[in-house]
Amino acid sequence: MKKALRAIYMAMAALVFLGGCASNPVQESMASFDRAYIPALMLTAKKDNTGQNIMAVKQLKLEWNLFRSRNPGLADEGGSAQGVEGLIMKADGLMNIGKYREAHKTLVKIEKIMREARVAAGIVYFPDRLAEFHDVMEEIVAVASKSPARVSILMPDAISAWRVVQKARFNRGFFRFTSDQKERLRKLIDDEAQLLKALLAAAVSNDRKKVAGLANEVMAKYTTIYRMFGNFQGASLGG
């Protein structure tokens, strides 16, 4: 896995150099991959008898092949993308035998690999800012109903991470957002900031019930935002 990740770093760095400062082809390619990855990740998080989650993983396999064809540098060093590809294939196999929870856990690892590779290559990518916030919020949700004091300690990190999201530049074309969708995204981001302020206040006042409720609201709002970056129609229709 480490060898694969190291090679992805090198390939992405080369693509950044070749693509210039804007790196538009690279980011567009990543966005296309994430438009398939996000539905696969989210739809495998819970049981689904419609088969949509299975279709989403199949669609992810197709998109990964396209991603590699657009970025041939990832084929260097004896198969640099084996880590990601292996995880996708493993998840697909797990879905075929009905082990969707295990498939979801497998897919989670892909985001971390790709995010670390982008950071190492100096690629600034908007969804990575969301993921960094999610890392903190998972800790908060885990203790929200038990320890408001712990939540109050973690909240500065969450608020700081969300401020980075608020300030981050976002190219709507990469994710095929309409102007209305971009405006909705901005409103949701601002609404999340207000919820975080309320959560901090509840934690400081040691209101355990309110902390638990607000933490769930924050995570639900985050899920709505993150979902916007996926192509769920593609997951439903298989293309």
C-alpha atoms as a PDB file:
ATOM      1  CA  MET A   1       0.000   0.000   0.000  1.00  0.00           C
ATOM      2  CA  LYS A   2       2.823   2.411   0.878  1.00  0.00           C
ATOM      3  CA  LYS A   3       4.544   1.751  -2.438  1.00  0.00           C
ATOM      4  CA  ALA A   4       1.304   2.439  -4.301  1.00  0.00           C
ATOM      5  CA  LEU A   5       0.731   5.645  -2.352  1.00  0.00           C
ATOM      6  CA  ARG A   6       4.286   6.853  -2.944  1.00  0.00           C
ATOM      7  CA  ALA A   7       3.889   6.290  -6.681  1.00  0.00           C
ATOM      8  CA  ILE A   8       0.568   8.138  -6.710  1.00  0.00           C
ATOM      9  CA  TYR A   9       2.349  11.078  -5.045  1.00  0.00           C
ATOM     10  CA  MET A  10       4.938  11.093  -7.832  1.00  0.00           C
ATOM     11  CA  ALA A  11       2.386  10.758 -10.608  1.00  0.00           C
ATOM     12  CA  MET A  12       0.171  13.517  -9.235  1.00  0.00           C
ATOM     13  CA  ALA A  13       3.159  15.821  -8.746  1.00  0.00           C
ATOM     14  CA  ALA A  14       4.147  15.239 -12.385  1.00  0.00           C
ATOM     15  CA  LEU A  15       0.610  15.958 -13.547  1.00  0.00           C
ATOM     16  CA  VAL A  16       0.542  19.201 -11.553  1.00  0.00           C
ATOM     17  CA  PHE A  17       3.808  20.264 -13.210  1.00  0.00           C
ATOM     18  CA  LEU A  18       2.568  19.393 -16.683  1.00  0.00           C
ATOM     19  CA  GLY A  19      -0.835  20.945 -16.148  1.00  0.00           C
ATOM     20  CA  GLY A  20       0.460  24.260 -14.832  1.00  0.00           C
ATOM     21  CA  CYS A  21      -0.650  26.110 -11.707  1.00  0.00           C
ATOM     22  CA  ALA A  22      -4.364  25.734 -12.358  1.00  0.00           C
ATOM     23  CA  SER A  23      -4.093  21.944 -12.791  1.00  0.00           C
ATOM     24  CA  ASN A  24      -7.596  21.928 -14.259  1.00  0.00           C
ATOM     25  CA  PRO A  25      -7.369  18.588 -16.138  1.00  0.00           C
ATOM     26  CA  VAL A  26      -6.090  16.884 -12.992  1.00  0.00           C
ATOM     27  CA  GLN A  27      -8.798  18.279 -10.736  1.00  0.00           C
ATOM     28  CA  GLU A  28     -11.519  17.594 -13.296  1.00  0.00           C
ATOM     29  CA  SER A  29     -10.374  13.985 -13.456  1.00  0.00           C
ATOM     30  CA  MET A  30     -10.419  13.718  -9.667  1.00  0.00           C
ATOM     31  CA  ALA A  31     -13.854  15.294  -9.522  1.00  0.00           C
ATOM     32  CA  SER A  32     -15.194  12.792 -12.058  1.00  0.00           C
ATOM     33  CA  PHE A  33     -13.823   9.959  -9.952  1.00  0.00           C
ATOM     34  CA  ASP A  34     -15.391  11.385  -6.782  1.00  0.00           C
ATOM     35  CA  ARG A  35     -18.751  11.800  -8.500  1.00  0.00           C
ATOM     36  CA  ALA A  36     -18.767   7.991  -8.673  1.00  0.00           C
ATOM     37  CA  TYR A  37     -16.886   7.355  -5.426  1.00  0.00           C
ATOM     38  CA  ILE A  38     -19.211   9.344  -3.155  1.00  0.00           C
ATOM     39  CA  PRO A  39     -22.396   7.436  -4.105  1.00  0.00           C
ATOM     40  CA  ALA A  40     -20.544   4.123  -3.721  1.00  0.00           C
ATOM     41  CA  LEU A  41     -19.284   5.183  -0.300  1.00  0.00           C
ATOM     42  CA  MET A  42     -22.582   6.540   0.984  1.00  0.00           C
ATOM     43  CA  LEU A  43     -24.883   3.875  -0.446  1.00  0.00           C
ATOM     44  CA  THR A  44     -22.862   1.038   1.055  1.00  0.00           C
ATOM     45  CA  ALA A  45     -23.116   2.588   4.544  1.00  0.00           C
ATOM     46  CA  LYS A  46     -26.480   0.927   5.118  1.00  0.00           C
ATOM     47  CA  LYS A  47     -28.488  -1.997   3.822  1.00  0.00           C
ATOM     48  CA  ASP A  48     -30.236  -1.394   0.524  1.00  0.00           C
ATOM     49  CA  ASN A  49     -32.503  -3.973  -1.046  1.00  0.00           C
ATOM     50  CA  THR A  50     -32.918  -1.984  -4.274  1.00  0.00           C
ATOM     51  CA  GLY A  51     -29.491  -2.944  -5.612  1.00  0.00           C
ATOM     52  CA  GLN A  52     -28.525   0.706  -5.989  1.00  0.00           C
ATOM     53  CA  ASN A  53     -25.467   0.220  -3.776  1.00  0.00           C
ATOM     54  CA  ILE A  54     -24.255  -2.674  -5.937  1.00  0.00           C
ATOM     55  CA  MET A  55     -24.717  -0.556  -9.057  1.00  0.00           C
ATOM     56  CA  ALA A  56     -22.813   2.306  -7.422  1.00  0.00           C
ATOM     57  CA  VAL A  57     -19.761   0.122  -6.818  1.00  0.00           C
ATOM     58  CA  LYS A  58     -19.918  -1.186 -10.388  1.00  0.00           C
ATOM     59  CA  GLN A  59     -20.042   2.415 -11.598  1.00  0.00           C
ATOM     60  CA  LEU A  60     -17.027   3.231  -9.418  1.00  0.00           C
ATOM     61  CA  LYS A  61     -15.054   0.435 -11.117  1.00  0.00           C
ATOM     62  CA  LEU A  62     -15.848   1.939 -14.511  1.00  0.00           C
ATOM     63  CA  GLU A  63     -14.895   5.439 -13.378  1.00  0.00           C
ATOM     64  CA  TRP A  64     -11.630   4.199 -11.877  1.00  0.00           C
ATOM     65  CA  ASN A  65     -10.674   2.723 -15.261  1.00  0.00           C
ATOM     66  CA  LEU A  66     -11.419   6.086 -16.871  1.00  0.00           C
ATOM     67  CA  PHE A  67      -9.409   7.876 -14.194  1.00  0.00           C
ATOM     68  CA  ARG A  68      -6.371   5.712 -14.908  1.00  0.00           C
ATOM     69  CA  SER A  69      -6.724   6.153 -18.672  1.00  0.00           C
ATOM     70  CA  ARG A  70      -6.799   9.941 -18.222  1.00  0.00           C
ATOM     71  CA  ASN A  71      -3.782   9.811 -15.904  1.00  0.00           C
ATOM     72  CA  PRO A  72      -1.383   7.263 -17.428  1.00  0.00           C
ATOM     73  CA  GLY A  73       1.356   8.356 -15.028  1.00  0.00           C
ATOM     74  CA  LEU A  74      -0.398   6.313 -12.375  1.00  0.00           C
ATOM     75  CA  ALA A  75       0.624   3.142 -14.211  1.00  0.00           C
ATOM     76  CA  ASP A  76       4.294   3.774 -13.496  1.00  0.00           C
ATOM     77  CA  GLU A  77       6.481   1.972 -10.955  1.00  0.00           C
ATOM     78  CA  GLY A  78       5.000  -1.474 -11.377  1.00  0.00           C
ATOM     79  CA  GLY A  79       1.382  -0.494 -10.930  1.00  0.00           C
ATOM     80  CA  SER A  80       1.287   2.595  -8.763  1.00  0.00           C
ATOM     81  CA  ALA A  81      -2.468   2.513  -8.239  1.00  0.00           C
ATOM     82  CA  GLN A  82      -2.678  -1.073  -7.040  1.00  0.00           C
ATOM     83  CA  GLY A  83      -3.732   0.076  -3.583  1.00  0.00           C
ATOM     84  CA  VAL A  84      -6.820   1.955  -4.746  1.00  0.00           C
ATOM     85  CA  GLU A  85      -7.670  -0.534  -7.460  1.00  0.00           C
ATOM     86  CA  GLY A  86      -7.336  -3.433  -5.050  1.00  0.00           C
ATOM     87  CA  LEU A  87      -9.706  -1.766  -2.597  1.00  0.00           C
ATOM     88  CA  ILE A  88     -12.300  -1.171  -5.306  1.00  0.00           C
ATOM     89  CA  MET A  89     -12.092  -4.769  -6.480  1.00  0.00           C
ATOM     90  CA  LYS A  90     -12.322  -6.022  -2.911  1.00  0.00           C
ATOM     91  CA  ALA A  91     -15.393  -3.865  -2.250  1.00  0.00           C
ATOM     92  CA  ASP A  92     -17.033  -5.123  -5.432  1.00  0.00           C
ATOM     93  CA  GLY A  93     -16.426  -8.716  -4.397  1.00  0.00           C
ATOM     94  CA  LEU A  94     -17.857  -8.073  -0.939  1.00  0.00           C
ATOM     95  CA  MET A  95     -20.975  -6.497  -2.423  1.00  0.00           C
ATOM     96  CA  ASN A  96     -21.476  -9.542  -4.632  1.00  0.00           C
ATOM     97  CA  ILE A  97     -21.801 -11.728  -1.527  1.00  0.00           C
ATOM     98  CA  GLY A  98     -23.951  -9.247   0.409  1.00  0.00           C
ATOM     99  CA  LYS A  99     -21.283  -7.947   2.794  1.00  0.00           C
ATOM    100  CA  TYR A 100     -22.088  -4.266   2.306  1.00  0.00           C
ATOM    101  CA  ARG A 101     -20.757  -3.123   5.718  1.00  0.00           C
ATOM    102  CA  GLU A 102     -17.351  -4.637   4.978  1.00  0.00           C
ATOM    103  CA  ALA A 103     -17.484  -3.110   1.489  1.00  0.00           C
ATOM    104  CA  HIS A 104     -18.169   0.313   2.989  1.00  0.00           C
ATOM    105  CA  LYS A 105     -15.231   0.033   5.392  1.00  0.00           C
ATOM    106  CA  THR A 106     -13.041  -0.938   2.465  1.00  0.00           C
ATOM    107  CA  LEU A 107     -14.150   2.051   0.385  1.00  0.00           C
ATOM    108  CA  VAL A 108     -13.504   4.480   3.254  1.00  0.00           C
ATOM    109  CA  LYS A 109      -9.773   3.780   2.907  1.00  0.00           C
ATOM    110  CA  ILE A 110      -9.727   5.114  -0.656  1.00  0.00           C
ATOM    111  CA  GLU A 111     -10.564   8.685   0.359  1.00  0.00           C
ATOM    112  CA  LYS A 112      -7.637   8.789   2.777  1.00  0.00           C
ATOM    113  CA  ILE A 113      -5.196   7.445   0.191  1.00  0.00           C
ATOM    114  CA  MET A 114      -6.271   9.939  -2.464  1.00  0.00           C
ATOM    115  CA  ARG A 115      -6.366  12.857  -0.025  1.00  0.00           C
ATOM    116  CA  GLU A 116      -2.856  12.152   1.252  1.00  0.00           C
ATOM    117  CA  ALA A 117      -1.619  11.863  -2.323  1.00  0.00           C
ATOM    118  CA  ARG A 118      -3.105  15.250  -3.248  1.00  0.00           C
ATOM    119  CA  VAL A 119      -1.605  16.909  -0.190  1.00  0.00           C
ATOM    120  CA  ALA A 120       1.817  15.439  -0.969  1.00  0.00           C
ATOM    121  CA  ALA A 121       1.538  16.647  -4.579  1.00  0.00           C
ATOM    122  CA  GLY A 122       0.438  20.148  -3.538  1.00  0.00           C
ATOM    123  CA  ILE A 123      -3.012  19.839  -5.103  1.00  0.00           C
ATOM    124  CA  VAL A 124      -5.688  21.960  -3.422  1.00  0.00           C
ATOM    125  CA  TYR A 125      -9.017  20.151  -3.765  1.00  0.00           C
ATOM    126  CA  PHE A 126     -12.263  21.374  -2.214  1.00  0.00           C
ATOM    127  CA  PRO A 127     -13.703  18.004  -1.037  1.00  0.00           C
ATOM    128  CA  ASP A 128     -10.503  17.410   0.938  1.00  0.00           C
ATOM    129  CA  ARG A 129     -11.420  20.368   3.112  1.00  0.00           C
ATOM    130  CA  LEU A 130     -14.775  18.720   3.825  1.00  0.00           C
ATOM    131  CA  ALA A 131     -13.081  15.438   4.695  1.00  0.00           C
ATOM    132  CA  GLU A 132     -10.726  17.159   7.132  1.00  0.00           C
ATOM    133  CA  PHE A 133     -13.749  18.579   8.952  1.00  0.00           C
ATOM    134  CA  HIS A 134     -15.437  15.183   8.957  1.00  0.00           C
ATOM    135  CA  ASP A 135     -12.437  13.664  10.729  1.00  0.00           C
ATOM    136  CA  VAL A 136     -12.960  16.040  13.667  1.00  0.00           C
ATOM    137  CA  MET A 137     -16.743  15.708  13.687  1.00  0.00           C
ATOM    138  CA  GLU A 138     -16.554  11.927  13.954  1.00  0.00           C
ATOM    139  CA  GLU A 139     -14.698  12.365  17.224  1.00  0.00           C
ATOM    140  CA  ILE A 140     -17.280  14.850  18.446  1.00  0.00           C
ATOM    141  CA  VAL A 141     -20.295  12.703  17.571  1.00  0.00           C
ATOM    142  CA  ALA A 142     -18.699   9.727  19.323  1.00  0.00           C
ATOM    143  CA  VAL A 143     -18.608  11.570  22.663  1.00  0.00           C
ATOM    144  CA  ALA A 144     -21.468  14.051  22.257  1.00  0.00           C
ATOM    145  CA  SER A 145     -23.971  12.180  24.428  1.00  0.00           C
ATOM    146  CA  LYS A 146     -21.384  11.338  27.079  1.00  0.00           C
ATOM    147  CA  SER A 147     -19.040  14.267  27.597  1.00  0.00           C
ATOM    148  CA  PRO A 148     -19.927  17.880  26.737  1.00  0.00           C
ATOM    149  CA  ALA A 149     -16.582  18.814  28.289  1.00  0.00           C
ATOM    150  CA  ARG A 150     -14.738  16.722  25.716  1.00  0.00           C
ATOM    151  CA  VAL A 151     -16.863  18.238  22.955  1.00  0.00           C
ATOM    152  CA  SER A 152     -15.931  21.740  24.099  1.00  0.00           C
ATOM    153  CA  ILE A 153     -12.253  20.779  23.829  1.00  0.00           C
ATOM    154  CA  LEU A 154     -12.702  19.448  20.284  1.00  0.00           C
ATOM    155  CA  MET A 155     -14.930  22.258  19.007  1.00  0.00           C
ATOM    156  CA  PRO A 156     -12.169  24.798  18.232  1.00  0.00           C
ATOM    157  CA  ASP A 157     -10.650  22.288  15.802  1.00  0.00           C
ATOM    158  CA  ALA A 158     -14.047  21.680  14.177  1.00  0.00           C
ATOM    159  CA  ILE A 159     -14.792  25.397  13.846  1.00  0.00           C
ATOM    160  CA  SER A 160     -11.318  26.044  12.455  1.00  0.00           C
ATOM    161  CA  ALA A 161     -11.695  23.236   9.911  1.00  0.00           C
ATOM    162  CA  TRP A 162     -15.063  24.608   8.818  1.00  0.00           C
ATOM    163  CA  ARG A 163     -13.653  28.113   8.392  1.00  0.00           C
ATOM    164  CA  VAL A 164     -11.206  26.586   5.933  1.00  0.00           C
ATOM    165  CA  VAL A 165     -14.209  25.156   4.045  1.00  0.00           C
ATOM    166  CA  GLN A 166     -15.898  28.578   4.057  1.00  0.00           C
ATOM    167  CA  LYS A 167     -12.821  30.261   2.603  1.00  0.00           C
ATOM    168  CA  ALA A 168     -11.911  27.541   0.110  1.00  0.00           C
ATOM    169  CA  ARG A 169     -12.216  28.253  -3.603  1.00  0.00           C
ATOM    170  CA  PHE A 170     -14.676  26.075  -5.473  1.00  0.00           C
ATOM    171  CA  ASN A 171     -14.932  25.547  -9.222  1.00  0.00           C
ATOM    172  CA  ARG A 172     -18.508  24.425  -9.838  1.00  0.00           C
ATOM    173  CA  GLY A 173     -17.665  23.192 -13.324  1.00  0.00           C
ATOM    174  CA  PHE A 174     -15.533  20.333 -11.987  1.00  0.00           C
ATOM    175  CA  PHE A 175     -18.561  18.807 -10.257  1.00  0.00           C
ATOM    176  CA  ARG A 176     -21.105  20.023 -12.836  1.00  0.00           C
ATOM    177  CA  PHE A 177     -22.919  22.267 -10.381  1.00  0.00           C
ATOM    178  CA  THR A 178     -25.434  24.734 -11.734  1.00  0.00           C
ATOM    179  CA  SER A 179     -25.261  28.293 -10.408  1.00  0.00           C
ATOM    180  CA  ASP A 180     -28.292  27.489  -8.220  1.00  0.00           C
ATOM    181  CA  GLN A 181     -26.550  24.433  -6.788  1.00  0.00           C
ATOM    182  CA  LYS A 182     -23.459  26.480  -6.001  1.00  0.00           C
ATOM    183  CA  GLU A 183     -25.618  29.071  -4.251  1.00  0.00           C
ATOM    184  CA  ARG A 184     -27.348  26.309  -2.267  1.00  0.00           C
ATOM    185  CA  LEU A 185     -23.958  24.895  -1.307  1.00  0.00           C
ATOM    186  CA  ARG A 186     -22.822  28.280  -0.014  1.00  0.00           C
ATOM    187  CA  LYS A 187     -25.987  28.635   2.071  1.00  0.00           C
ATOM    188  CA  LEU A 188     -25.591  25.148   3.542  1.00  0.00           C
ATOM    189  CA  ILE A 189     -21.978  25.949   4.428  1.00  0.00           C
ATOM    190  CA  ASP A 190     -23.049  29.130   6.209  1.00  0.00           C
ATOM    191  CA  ASP A 191     -25.852  27.272   8.003  1.00  0.00           C
ATOM    192  CA  GLU A 192     -23.329  24.686   9.205  1.00  0.00           C
ATOM    193  CA  ALA A 193     -21.170  27.450  10.661  1.00  0.00           C
ATOM    194  CA  GLN A 194     -24.118  28.665  12.713  1.00  0.00           C
ATOM    195  CA  LEU A 195     -24.853  25.149  13.955  1.00  0.00           C
ATOM    196  CA  LEU A 196     -21.249  24.805  15.060  1.00  0.00           C
ATOM    197  CA  LYS A 197     -21.495  27.997  17.093  1.00  0.00           C
ATOM    198  CA  ALA A 198     -24.653  26.668  18.754  1.00  0.00           C
ATOM    199  CA  LEU A 199     -22.954  23.346  19.458  1.00  0.00           C
ATOM    200  CA  LEU A 200     -20.015  25.077  21.111  1.00  0.00           C
ATOM    201  CA  ALA A 201     -22.354  27.124  23.305  1.00  0.00           C
ATOM    202  CA  ALA A 202     -24.261  23.999  24.353  1.00  0.00           C
ATOM    203  CA  ALA A 203     -21.020  22.195  25.162  1.00  0.00           C
ATOM    204  CA  VAL A 204     -19.714  25.084  27.252  1.00  0.00           C
ATOM    205  CA  SER A 205     -23.004  25.180  29.195  1.00  0.00           C
ATOM    206  CA  ASN A 206     -22.735  21.393  29.734  1.00  0.00           C
ATOM    207  CA  ASP A 207     -26.156  20.718  28.207  1.00  0.00           C
ATOM    208  CA  ARG A 208     -25.674  17.055  27.322  1.00  0.00           C
ATOM    209  CA  LYS A 209     -29.033  16.560  25.606  1.00  0.00           C
ATOM    210  CA  LYS A 210     -28.634  19.670  23.471  1.00  0.00           C
ATOM    211  CA  VAL A 211     -25.042  18.779  22.614  1.00  0.00           C
ATOM    212  CA  ALA A 212     -26.080  15.330  21.384  1.00  0.00           C
ATOM    213  CA  GLY A 213     -28.920  16.758  19.296  1.00  0.00           C
ATOM    214  CA  LEU A 214     -26.827  19.524  17.741  1.00  0.00           C
ATOM    215  CA  ALA A 215     -23.936  17.175  16.994  1.00  0.00           C
ATOM    216  CA  ASN A 216     -26.329  14.989  15.009  1.00  0.00           C
ATOM    217  CA  GLU A 217     -27.679  18.065  13.208  1.00  0.00           C
ATOM    218  CA  VAL A 218     -24.168  19.145  12.273  1.00  0.00           C
ATOM    219  CA  MET A 219     -23.356  15.720  10.889  1.00  0.00           C
ATOM    220  CA  ALA A 220     -26.660  15.552   9.001  1.00  0.00           C
ATOM    221  CA  LYS A 221     -25.961  18.935   7.418  1.00  0.00           C
ATOM    222  CA  TYR A 222     -22.458  17.789   6.518  1.00  0.00           C
ATOM    223  CA  THR A 223     -23.883  14.661   4.882  1.00  0.00           C
ATOM    224  CA  THR A 224     -26.232  16.812   2.785  1.00  0.00           C
ATOM    225  CA  ILE A 225     -23.300  18.927   1.648  1.00  0.00           C
ATOM    226  CA  TYR A 226     -21.013  15.987   0.890  1.00  0.00           C
ATOM    227  CA  ARG A 227     -23.768  14.212  -1.015  1.00  0.00           C
ATOM    228  CA  MET A 228     -23.983  17.132  -3.453  1.00  0.00           C
ATOM    229  CA  PHE A 229     -20.587  16.156  -4.876  1.00  0.00           C
ATOM    230  CA  GLY A 230     -21.742  12.703  -5.955  1.00  0.00           C
ATOM    231  CA  ASN A 231     -23.635  11.650  -9.062  1.00  0.00           C
ATOM    232  CA  PHE A 232     -26.392   9.568  -7.521  1.00  0.00           C
ATOM    233  CA  GLN A 233     -28.310   9.436 -10.768  1.00  0.00           C
ATOM    234  CA  GLY A 234     -25.335   7.664 -12.311  1.00  0.00           C
ATOM    235  CA  ALA A 235     -25.388   5.193  -9.440  1.00  0.00           C
ATOM    236  CA  SER A 236     -29.064   4.503 -10.062  1.00  0.00           C
ATOM    237  CA  LEU A 237     -28.897   4.193 -13.807  1.00  0.00           C
ATOM    238  CA  GLY A 238     -25.466   2.674 -14.203  1.00  0.00           C
ATOM    239  CA  GLY A 239     -24.104   5.535 -16.239  1.00  0.00           C
END
